[in-house]
PDB file of N, CA and C in Angstrom:
ATOM      1  N   MET A   1      70.252 119.313  86.123  1.00  0.00           N
ATOM      2  CA  MET A   1      70.980 117.945  86.246  1.00  0.00           C
ATOM      3  C   MET A   1      69.345 117.430  86.634  1.00  0.00           C
ATOM      4  N   ASP A   2      68.317 117.530  86.664  1.00  0.00           N
ATOM      5  CA  ASP A   2      66.671 117.173  86.415  1.00  0.00           C
ATOM      6  C   ASP A   2      66.490 116.715  85.342  1.00  0.00           C
ATOM      7  N   ASN A   3      67.705 116.392  84.140  1.00  0.00           N
ATOM      8  CA  ASN A   3      67.482 115.761  82.344  1.00  0.00           C
ATOM      9  C   ASN A   3      67.627 114.197  82.992  1.00  0.00           C
ATOM     10  N   PHE A   4      66.120 113.538  83.041  1.00  0.00           N
ATOM     11  CA  PHE A   4      66.319 112.486  83.338  1.00  0.00           C
ATOM     12  C   PHE A   4      65.104 111.808  81.859  1.00  0.00           C
ATOM     13  N   ASP A   5      65.281 112.470  80.366  1.00  0.00           N
ATOM     14  CA  ASP A   5      64.617 111.749  79.614  1.00  0.00           C
ATOM     15  C   ASP A   5      64.453 110.470  79.112  1.00  0.00           C
ATOM     16  N   ASN A   6      65.670 109.766  79.130  1.00  0.00           N
ATOM     17  CA  ASN A   6      65.818 108.492  78.825  1.00  0.00           C
ATOM     18  C   ASN A   6      65.696 107.200  79.951  1.00  0.00           C
ATOM     19  N   PHE A   7      65.250 107.835  81.266  1.00  0.00           N
ATOM     20  CA  PHE A   7      64.966 107.072  82.353  1.00  0.00           C
ATOM     21  C   PHE A   7      63.607 106.779  82.186  1.00  0.00           C
ATOM     22  N   SER A   8      63.178 104.980  82.670  1.00  0.00           N
ATOM     23  CA  SER A   8      62.167 104.957  83.514  1.00  0.00           C
ATOM     24  C   SER A   8      61.543 105.825  83.980  1.00  0.00           C
ATOM     25  N   ALA A   9      59.997 105.208  84.000  1.00  0.00           N
ATOM     26  CA  ALA A   9      59.966 105.843  85.698  1.00  0.00           C
ATOM     27  C   ALA A   9      60.430 105.555  87.189  1.00  0.00           C
ATOM     28  N   SER A  10      60.784 104.517  87.363  1.00  0.00           N
ATOM     29  CA  SER A  10      61.005 104.203  88.440  1.00  0.00           C
ATOM     30  C   SER A  10      62.454 104.788  88.665  1.00  0.00           C
ATOM     31  N   GLU A  11      63.361 105.136  87.283  1.00  0.00           N
ATOM     32  CA  GLU A  11      64.705 105.367  87.399  1.00  0.00           C
ATOM     33  C   GLU A  11      64.614 106.884  87.760  1.00  0.00           C
ATOM     34  N   LYS A  12      63.700 107.136  87.054  1.00  0.00           N
ATOM     35  CA  LYS A  12      63.164 108.956  87.724  1.00  0.00           C
ATOM     36  C   LYS A  12      63.184 109.125  88.894  1.00  0.00           C
ATOM     37  N   ALA A  13      62.223 107.974  89.217  1.00  0.00           N
ATOM     38  CA  ALA A  13      61.512 108.300  90.446  1.00  0.00           C
ATOM     39  C   ALA A  13      62.586 108.542  91.860  1.00  0.00           C
ATOM     40  N   GLU A  14      63.462 107.634  91.727  1.00  0.00           N
ATOM     41  CA  GLU A  14      64.955 107.161  91.977  1.00  0.00           C
ATOM     42  C   GLU A  14      65.935 107.932  92.193  1.00  0.00           C
ATOM     43  N   ALA A  15      66.469 108.644  90.948  1.00  0.00           N
ATOM     44  CA  ALA A  15      67.265 109.756  90.881  1.00  0.00           C
ATOM     45  C   ALA A  15      66.606 110.849  91.455  1.00  0.00           C
ATOM     46  N   THR A  16      65.510 111.519  91.440  1.00  0.00           N
ATOM     47  CA  THR A  16      64.548 112.693  92.195  1.00  0.00           C
ATOM     48  C   THR A  16      64.909 112.015  93.573  1.00  0.00           C
ATOM     49  N   GLU A  17      64.704 111.070  93.845  1.00  0.00           N
ATOM     50  CA  GLU A  17      64.974 111.160  95.457  1.00  0.00           C
ATOM     51  C   GLU A  17      66.255 111.315  96.161  1.00  0.00           C
ATOM     52  N   LEU A  18      67.374 110.320  94.727  1.00  0.00           N
ATOM     53  CA  LEU A  18      68.590 110.443  95.599  1.00  0.00           C
ATOM     54  C   LEU A  18      69.037 111.859  95.396  1.00  0.00           C
ATOM     55  N   GLN A  19      68.490 112.779  94.682  1.00  0.00           N
ATOM     56  CA  GLN A  19      69.190 114.321  94.767  1.00  0.00           C
ATOM     57  C   GLN A  19      68.667 114.576  96.008  1.00  0.00           C
ATOM     58  N   ARG A  20      67.282 114.596  96.433  1.00  0.00           N
ATOM     59  CA  ARG A  20      66.487 114.985  97.541  1.00  0.00           C
ATOM     60  C   ARG A  20      67.609 115.031  98.462  1.00  0.00           C
ATOM     61  N   MET A  21      67.700 113.367  98.685  1.00  0.00           N
ATOM     62  CA  MET A  21      68.568 112.820  99.816  1.00  0.00           C
ATOM     63  C   MET A  21      69.458 113.892  99.735  1.00  0.00           C
ATOM     64  N   ILE A  22      70.409 113.688  99.284  1.00  0.00           N
ATOM     65  CA  ILE A  22      71.992 114.820  98.787  1.00  0.00           C
ATOM     66  C   ILE A  22      72.049 116.172  99.115  1.00  0.00           C
ATOM     67  N   ALA A  23      70.893 116.732  98.747  1.00  0.00           N
ATOM     68  CA  ALA A  23      70.252 118.470  98.836  1.00  0.00           C
ATOM     69  C   ALA A  23      69.882 118.401 100.757  1.00  0.00           C
ATOM     70  N   VAL A  24      69.340 117.237 101.081  1.00  0.00           N
ATOM     71  CA  VAL A  24      69.119 117.221 102.624  1.00  0.00           C
ATOM     72  C   VAL A  24      70.782 116.775 103.564  1.00  0.00           C
ATOM     73  N   GLU A  25      71.397 116.070 102.539  1.00  0.00           N
ATOM     74  CA  GLU A  25      72.954 115.673 103.389  1.00  0.00           C
ATOM     75  C   GLU A  25      73.892 117.028 103.620  1.00  0.00           C
ATOM     76  N   GLN A  26      73.474 117.410 102.243  1.00  0.00           N
ATOM     77  CA  GLN A  26      74.762 118.999 102.297  1.00  0.00           C
ATOM     78  C   GLN A  26      74.073 120.059 102.745  1.00  0.00           C
ATOM     79  N   GLN A  27      72.548 120.289 103.221  1.00  0.00           N
ATOM     80  CA  GLN A  27      71.598 121.380 104.650  1.00  0.00           C
ATOM     81  C   GLN A  27      72.397 120.671 105.798  1.00  0.00           C
ATOM     82  N   LYS A  28      72.592 119.649 105.768  1.00  0.00           N
ATOM     83  CA  LYS A  28      72.888 118.834 107.476  1.00  0.00           C
ATOM     84  C   LYS A  28      74.355 119.474 107.645  1.00  0.00           C
ATOM     85  N   ALA A  29      75.452 119.525 106.416  1.00  0.00           N
ATOM     86  CA  ALA A  29      76.686 119.451 106.401  1.00  0.00           C
ATOM     87  C   ALA A  29      76.624 120.973 106.550  1.00  0.00           C
ATOM     88  N   GLN A  30      76.185 121.722 105.862  1.00  0.00           N
ATOM     89  CA  GLN A  30      76.417 123.821 106.205  1.00  0.00           C
ATOM     90  C   GLN A  30      75.664 123.856 107.633  1.00  0.00           C
ATOM     91  N   PHE A  31      75.323 123.257 108.287  1.00  0.00           N
ATOM     92  CA  PHE A  31      74.186 123.556 109.612  1.00  0.00           C
ATOM     93  C   PHE A  31      75.755 123.348 110.281  1.00  0.00           C
ATOM     94  N   GLN A  32      76.173 121.932 110.256  1.00  0.00           N
ATOM     95  CA  GLN A  32      77.256 120.862 111.398  1.00  0.00           C
ATOM     96  C   GLN A  32      78.624 122.755 110.963  1.00  0.00           C
ATOM     97  N   ALA A  33      78.743 122.749 109.784  1.00  0.00           N
ATOM     98  CA  ALA A  33      79.845 123.801 109.518  1.00  0.00           C
ATOM     99  C   ALA A  33      79.561 125.107 110.173  1.00  0.00           C
ATOM    100  N   GLN A  34      78.514 125.806 110.113  1.00  0.00           N
ATOM    101  CA  GLN A  34      77.732 126.823 110.769  1.00  0.00           C
ATOM    102  C   GLN A  34      77.976 126.616 112.325  1.00  0.00           C
ATOM    103  N   VAL A  35      78.028 125.415 112.603  1.00  0.00           N
ATOM    104  CA  VAL A  35      77.433 125.407 114.148  1.00  0.00           C
ATOM    105  C   VAL A  35      79.476 125.334 114.775  1.00  0.00           C
ATOM    106  N   HIS A  36      80.415 124.738 113.863  1.00  0.00           N
ATOM    107  CA  HIS A  36      81.497 124.617 114.102  1.00  0.00           C
ATOM    108  C   HIS A  36      82.124 126.131 114.373  1.00  0.00           C
ATOM    109  N   ASN A  37      81.753 126.637 113.496  1.00  0.00           N
ATOM    110  CA  ASN A  37      82.387 128.315 113.499  1.00  0.00           C
ATOM    111  C   ASN A  37      81.772 129.126 114.387  1.00  0.00           C
ATOM    112  N   PHE A  38      80.248 128.647 114.280  1.00  0.00           N
ATOM    113  CA  PHE A  38      80.241 129.329 116.136  1.00  0.00           C
ATOM    114  C   PHE A  38      81.110 128.923 117.462  1.00  0.00           C
ATOM    115  N   THR A  39      80.984 127.805 117.265  1.00  0.00           N
ATOM    116  CA  THR A  39      82.105 127.199 118.454  1.00  0.00           C
ATOM    117  C   THR A  39      83.838 127.833 118.368  1.00  0.00           C
ATOM    118  N   ASP A  40      84.001 128.029 116.954  1.00  0.00           N
ATOM    119  CA  ASP A  40      85.331 128.831 117.339  1.00  0.00           C
ATOM    120  C   ASP A  40      85.214 129.880 117.767  1.00  0.00           C
ATOM    121  N   VAL A  41      84.663 130.722 116.816  1.00  0.00           N
ATOM    122  CA  VAL A  41      84.506 132.173 117.289  1.00  0.00           C
ATOM    123  C   VAL A  41      84.018 132.711 118.667  1.00  0.00           C
ATOM    124  N   CYS A  42      83.161 132.288 119.176  1.00  0.00           N
ATOM    125  CA  CYS A  42      82.593 132.497 120.490  1.00  0.00           C
ATOM    126  C   CYS A  42      83.283 131.951 121.365  1.00  0.00           C
ATOM    127  N   TRP A  43      83.845 130.649 121.629  1.00  0.00           N
ATOM    128  CA  TRP A  43      85.219 130.037 122.087  1.00  0.00           C
ATOM    129  C   TRP A  43      86.101 130.654 122.231  1.00  0.00           C
ATOM    130  N   ASP A  44      86.454 131.653 121.468  1.00  0.00           N
ATOM    131  CA  ASP A  44      87.635 132.352 121.354  1.00  0.00           C
ATOM    132  C   ASP A  44      87.635 133.836 121.822  1.00  0.00           C
ATOM    133  N   LYS A  45      86.590 134.388 121.602  1.00  0.00           N
ATOM    134  CA  LYS A  45      86.034 135.823 122.259  1.00  0.00           C
ATOM    135  C   LYS A  45      85.732 135.435 123.548  1.00  0.00           C
ATOM    136  N   CYS A  46      85.069 134.232 124.275  1.00  0.00           N
ATOM    137  CA  CYS A  46      84.311 134.432 125.598  1.00  0.00           C
ATOM    138  C   CYS A  46      85.102 133.862 126.662  1.00  0.00           C
ATOM    139  N   VAL A  47      85.784 132.502 126.405  1.00  0.00           N
ATOM    140  CA  VAL A  47      86.369 131.658 127.305  1.00  0.00           C
ATOM    141  C   VAL A  47      87.983 131.929 127.230  1.00  0.00           C
ATOM    142  N   GLU A  48      88.221 132.455 128.454  1.00  0.00           N
ATOM    143  CA  GLU A  48      89.248 132.990 129.077  1.00  0.00           C
ATOM    144  C   GLU A  48      90.605 131.216 129.695  1.00  0.00           C
ATOM    145  N   SER A  49      89.658 130.830 130.669  1.00  0.00           N
ATOM    146  CA  SER A  49      90.140 129.896 131.128  1.00  0.00           C
ATOM    147  C   SER A  49      89.188 128.765 131.047  1.00  0.00           C
ATOM    148  N   PRO A  50      89.043 127.687 130.349  1.00  0.00           N
ATOM    149  CA  PRO A  50      88.334 126.528 130.752  1.00  0.00           C
ATOM    150  C   PRO A  50      88.240 125.661 132.280  1.00  0.00           C
ATOM    151  N   GLY A  51      86.958 125.875 132.797  1.00  0.00           N
ATOM    152  CA  GLY A  51      87.116 125.022 133.828  1.00  0.00           C
ATOM    153  C   GLY A  51      86.021 123.809 133.710  1.00  0.00           C
ATOM    154  N   SER A  52      85.476 123.456 134.836  1.00  0.00           N
ATOM    155  CA  SER A  52      84.601 122.543 135.200  1.00  0.00           C
ATOM    156  C   SER A  52      83.370 123.000 134.938  1.00  0.00           C
ATOM    157  N   LYS A  53      82.413 123.950 134.651  1.00  0.00           N
ATOM    158  CA  LYS A  53      81.697 125.022 134.537  1.00  0.00           C
ATOM    159  C   LYS A  53      81.753 126.349 133.889  1.00  0.00           C
ATOM    160  N   LEU A  54      80.907 127.103 133.520  1.00  0.00           N
ATOM    161  CA  LEU A  54      80.731 128.208 132.823  1.00  0.00           C
ATOM    162  C   LEU A  54      80.384 129.410 133.959  1.00  0.00           C
ATOM    163  N   ASP A  55      81.362 130.235 134.218  1.00  0.00           N
ATOM    164  CA  ASP A  55      80.581 131.273 134.644  1.00  0.00           C
ATOM    165  C   ASP A  55      79.544 132.562 134.487  1.00  0.00           C
ATOM    166  N   TYR A  56      78.881 132.806 135.262  1.00  0.00           N
ATOM    167  CA  TYR A  56      77.825 133.829 134.525  1.00  0.00           C
ATOM    168  C   TYR A  56      78.596 134.653 133.023  1.00  0.00           C
ATOM    169  N   ARG A  57      79.651 135.090 133.204  1.00  0.00           N
ATOM    170  CA  ARG A  57      80.057 136.162 132.845  1.00  0.00           C
ATOM    171  C   ARG A  57      80.444 135.517 130.602  1.00  0.00           C
ATOM    172  N   THR A  58      80.804 134.374 131.132  1.00  0.00           N
ATOM    173  CA  THR A  58      81.031 133.374 130.158  1.00  0.00           C
ATOM    174  C   THR A  58      80.305 132.842 129.150  1.00  0.00           C
ATOM    175  N   GLU A  59      79.448 132.339 130.267  1.00  0.00           N
ATOM    176  CA  GLU A  59      77.601 131.849 129.665  1.00  0.00           C
ATOM    177  C   GLU A  59      76.952 132.776 128.862  1.00  0.00           C
ATOM    178  N   THR A  60      77.239 134.017 129.196  1.00  0.00           N
ATOM    179  CA  THR A  60      76.413 135.709 128.765  1.00  0.00           C
ATOM    180  C   THR A  60      77.154 135.810 127.382  1.00  0.00           C
ATOM    181  N   CYS A  61      78.085 135.750 127.757  1.00  0.00           N
ATOM    182  CA  CYS A  61      78.767 136.058 126.744  1.00  0.00           C
ATOM    183  C   CYS A  61      78.878 134.973 125.134  1.00  0.00           C
ATOM    184  N   LEU A  62      78.846 133.712 125.831  1.00  0.00           N
ATOM    185  CA  LEU A  62      78.176 132.703 124.524  1.00  0.00           C
ATOM    186  C   LEU A  62      77.655 133.089 124.402  1.00  0.00           C
ATOM    187  N   VAL A  63      76.811 132.971 124.428  1.00  0.00           N
ATOM    188  CA  VAL A  63      74.835 133.485 124.425  1.00  0.00           C
ATOM    189  C   VAL A  63      74.939 134.752 123.620  1.00  0.00           C
ATOM    190  N   SER A  64      75.356 135.710 123.666  1.00  0.00           N
ATOM    191  CA  SER A  64      75.692 137.233 123.035  1.00  0.00           C
ATOM    192  C   SER A  64      76.051 136.716 121.766  1.00  0.00           C
ATOM    193  N   CYS A  65      76.963 136.028 122.014  1.00  0.00           N
ATOM    194  CA  CYS A  65      77.850 135.922 120.399  1.00  0.00           C
ATOM    195  C   CYS A  65      77.364 134.859 119.805  1.00  0.00           C
ATOM    196  N   VAL A  66      76.636 133.637 120.023  1.00  0.00           N
ATOM    197  CA  VAL A  66      75.757 133.060 118.785  1.00  0.00           C
ATOM    198  C   VAL A  66      74.721 134.137 118.351  1.00  0.00           C
ATOM    199  N   GLU A  67      73.791 134.333 118.953  1.00  0.00           N
ATOM    200  CA  GLU A  67      72.644 135.359 118.593  1.00  0.00           C
ATOM    201  C   GLU A  67      72.995 136.513 117.435  1.00  0.00           C
ATOM    202  N   ARG A  68      74.529 136.850 118.131  1.00  0.00           N
ATOM    203  CA  ARG A  68      75.192 138.153 117.094  1.00  0.00           C
ATOM    204  C   ARG A  68      74.994 137.046 115.776  1.00  0.00           C
ATOM    205  N   PHE A  69      75.932 135.975 115.870  1.00  0.00           N
ATOM    206  CA  PHE A  69      76.299 135.268 114.290  1.00  0.00           C
ATOM    207  C   PHE A  69      75.286 134.976 114.215  1.00  0.00           C
ATOM    208  N   ILE A  70      74.072 134.441 114.500  1.00  0.00           N
ATOM    209  CA  ILE A  70      72.925 134.166 113.951  1.00  0.00           C
ATOM    210  C   ILE A  70      72.149 135.741 113.069  1.00  0.00           C
ATOM    211  N   ASP A  71      71.839 136.652 114.155  1.00  0.00           N
ATOM    212  CA  ASP A  71      71.882 137.268 113.373  1.00  0.00           C
ATOM    213  C   ASP A  71      72.086 138.083 112.249  1.00  0.00           C
ATOM    214  N   THR A  72      73.794 138.150 112.297  1.00  0.00           N
ATOM    215  CA  THR A  72      74.752 138.607 111.213  1.00  0.00           C
ATOM    216  C   THR A  72      74.057 137.518 109.907  1.00  0.00           C
ATOM    217  N   THR A  73      74.139 136.596 110.408  1.00  0.00           N
ATOM    218  CA  THR A  73      74.021 135.790 109.221  1.00  0.00           C
ATOM    219  C   THR A  73      72.789 135.708 108.301  1.00  0.00           C
ATOM    220  N   LEU A  74      71.611 135.730 109.127  1.00  0.00           N
ATOM    221  CA  LEU A  74      70.573 135.861 108.437  1.00  0.00           C
ATOM    222  C   LEU A  74      70.145 137.351 107.561  1.00  0.00           C
ATOM    223  N   THR A  75      70.961 138.506 108.484  1.00  0.00           N
ATOM    224  CA  THR A  75      70.534 139.285 107.797  1.00  0.00           C
ATOM    225  C   THR A  75      71.507 139.424 106.131  1.00  0.00           C
ATOM    226  N   ILE A  76      72.262 138.960 105.898  1.00  0.00           N
ATOM    227  CA  ILE A  76      73.115 138.453 104.783  1.00  0.00           C
ATOM    228  C   ILE A  76      72.652 137.555 103.937  1.00  0.00           C
ATOM    229  N   THR A  77      72.170 136.370 104.611  1.00  0.00           N
ATOM    230  CA  THR A  77      71.264 135.764 103.726  1.00  0.00           C
ATOM    231  C   THR A  77      70.090 136.768 103.088  1.00  0.00           C
ATOM    232  N   ASN A  78      69.650 137.396 103.755  1.00  0.00           N
ATOM    233  CA  ASN A  78      67.901 138.011 103.490  1.00  0.00           C
ATOM    234  C   ASN A  78      68.716 139.137 102.088  1.00  0.00           C
ATOM    235  N   ARG A  79      69.920 140.066 102.567  1.00  0.00           N
ATOM    236  CA  ARG A  79      70.190 140.399 101.755  1.00  0.00           C
ATOM    237  C   ARG A  79      70.740 140.129 100.246  1.00  0.00           C
ATOM    238  N   PHE A  80      71.187 139.253 100.391  1.00  0.00           N
ATOM    239  CA  PHE A  80      71.507 138.661  99.233  1.00  0.00           C
ATOM    240  C   PHE A  80      70.261 137.569  98.366  1.00  0.00           C
ATOM    241  N   THR A  81      69.761 137.523  99.089  1.00  0.00           N
ATOM    242  CA  THR A  81      68.557 137.015  98.094  1.00  0.00           C
ATOM    243  C   THR A  81      67.635 137.916  97.682  1.00  0.00           C
ATOM    244  N   GLN A  82      67.809 139.120  98.218  1.00  0.00           N
ATOM    245  CA  GLN A  82      66.863 140.060  97.877  1.00  0.00           C
ATOM    246  C   GLN A  82      67.400 140.842  96.470  1.00  0.00           C
ATOM    247  N   MET A  83      68.964 140.951  96.633  1.00  0.00           N
ATOM    248  CA  MET A  83      69.427 141.033  95.646  1.00  0.00           C
ATOM    249  C   MET A  83      69.587 139.947  94.299  1.00  0.00           C
ATOM    250  N   VAL A  84      69.836 138.953  94.706  1.00  0.00           N
ATOM    251  CA  VAL A  84      69.291 137.373  93.696  1.00  0.00           C
ATOM    252  C   VAL A  84      67.613 137.947  93.297  1.00  0.00           C
ATOM    253  N   GLN A  85      66.725 138.064  93.889  1.00  0.00           N
ATOM    254  CA  GLN A  85      65.479 138.127  93.194  1.00  0.00           C
ATOM    255  C   GLN A  85      65.142 139.563  92.169  1.00  0.00           C
ATOM    256  N   LYS A  86      65.856 140.594  92.932  1.00  0.00           N
ATOM    257  CA  LYS A  86      65.736 141.917  91.617  1.00  0.00           C
ATOM    258  C   LYS A  86      67.159 141.447  90.356  1.00  0.00           C
ATOM    259  N   GLY A  87      67.699 140.522  90.825  1.00  0.00           N
ATOM    260  CA  GLY A  87      69.019 140.579  89.712  1.00  0.00           C
ATOM    261  C   GLY A  87      68.043 139.695  88.632  1.00  0.00           C
ATOM    262  N   ALA A  88      66.781 138.747  89.158  1.00  0.00           N
ATOM    263  CA  ALA A  88      66.125 137.723  88.638  1.00  0.00           C
ATOM    264  C   ALA A  88      64.791 138.730  87.573  1.00  0.00           C
ATOM    265  N   HIS A  89      64.734 140.053  88.240  1.00  0.00           N
ATOM    266  CA  HIS A  89      63.144 140.547  87.591  1.00  0.00           C
ATOM    267  C   HIS A  89      64.174 141.248  86.491  1.00  0.00           C
TER     268      HIS A  89
END
């Protein structure tokens, strides 16, 4: 996708900037999807009946749930990265 041989210098710069902006927007979308996933999973697990404010148990459950979710995601991502790096060598 970086094949800009027939483009002028300014067109190449614009195309490169567009690619960067698309990558940033994709990262934002992935982050939002992850937050939505946290919300769904942890809400279903921790919130028995919604009220005007969270009780201590519910708040603690939500915090622990999100932390576990993040830890698991990071572990899987790191493991996948290691596998890809080993495959590249």
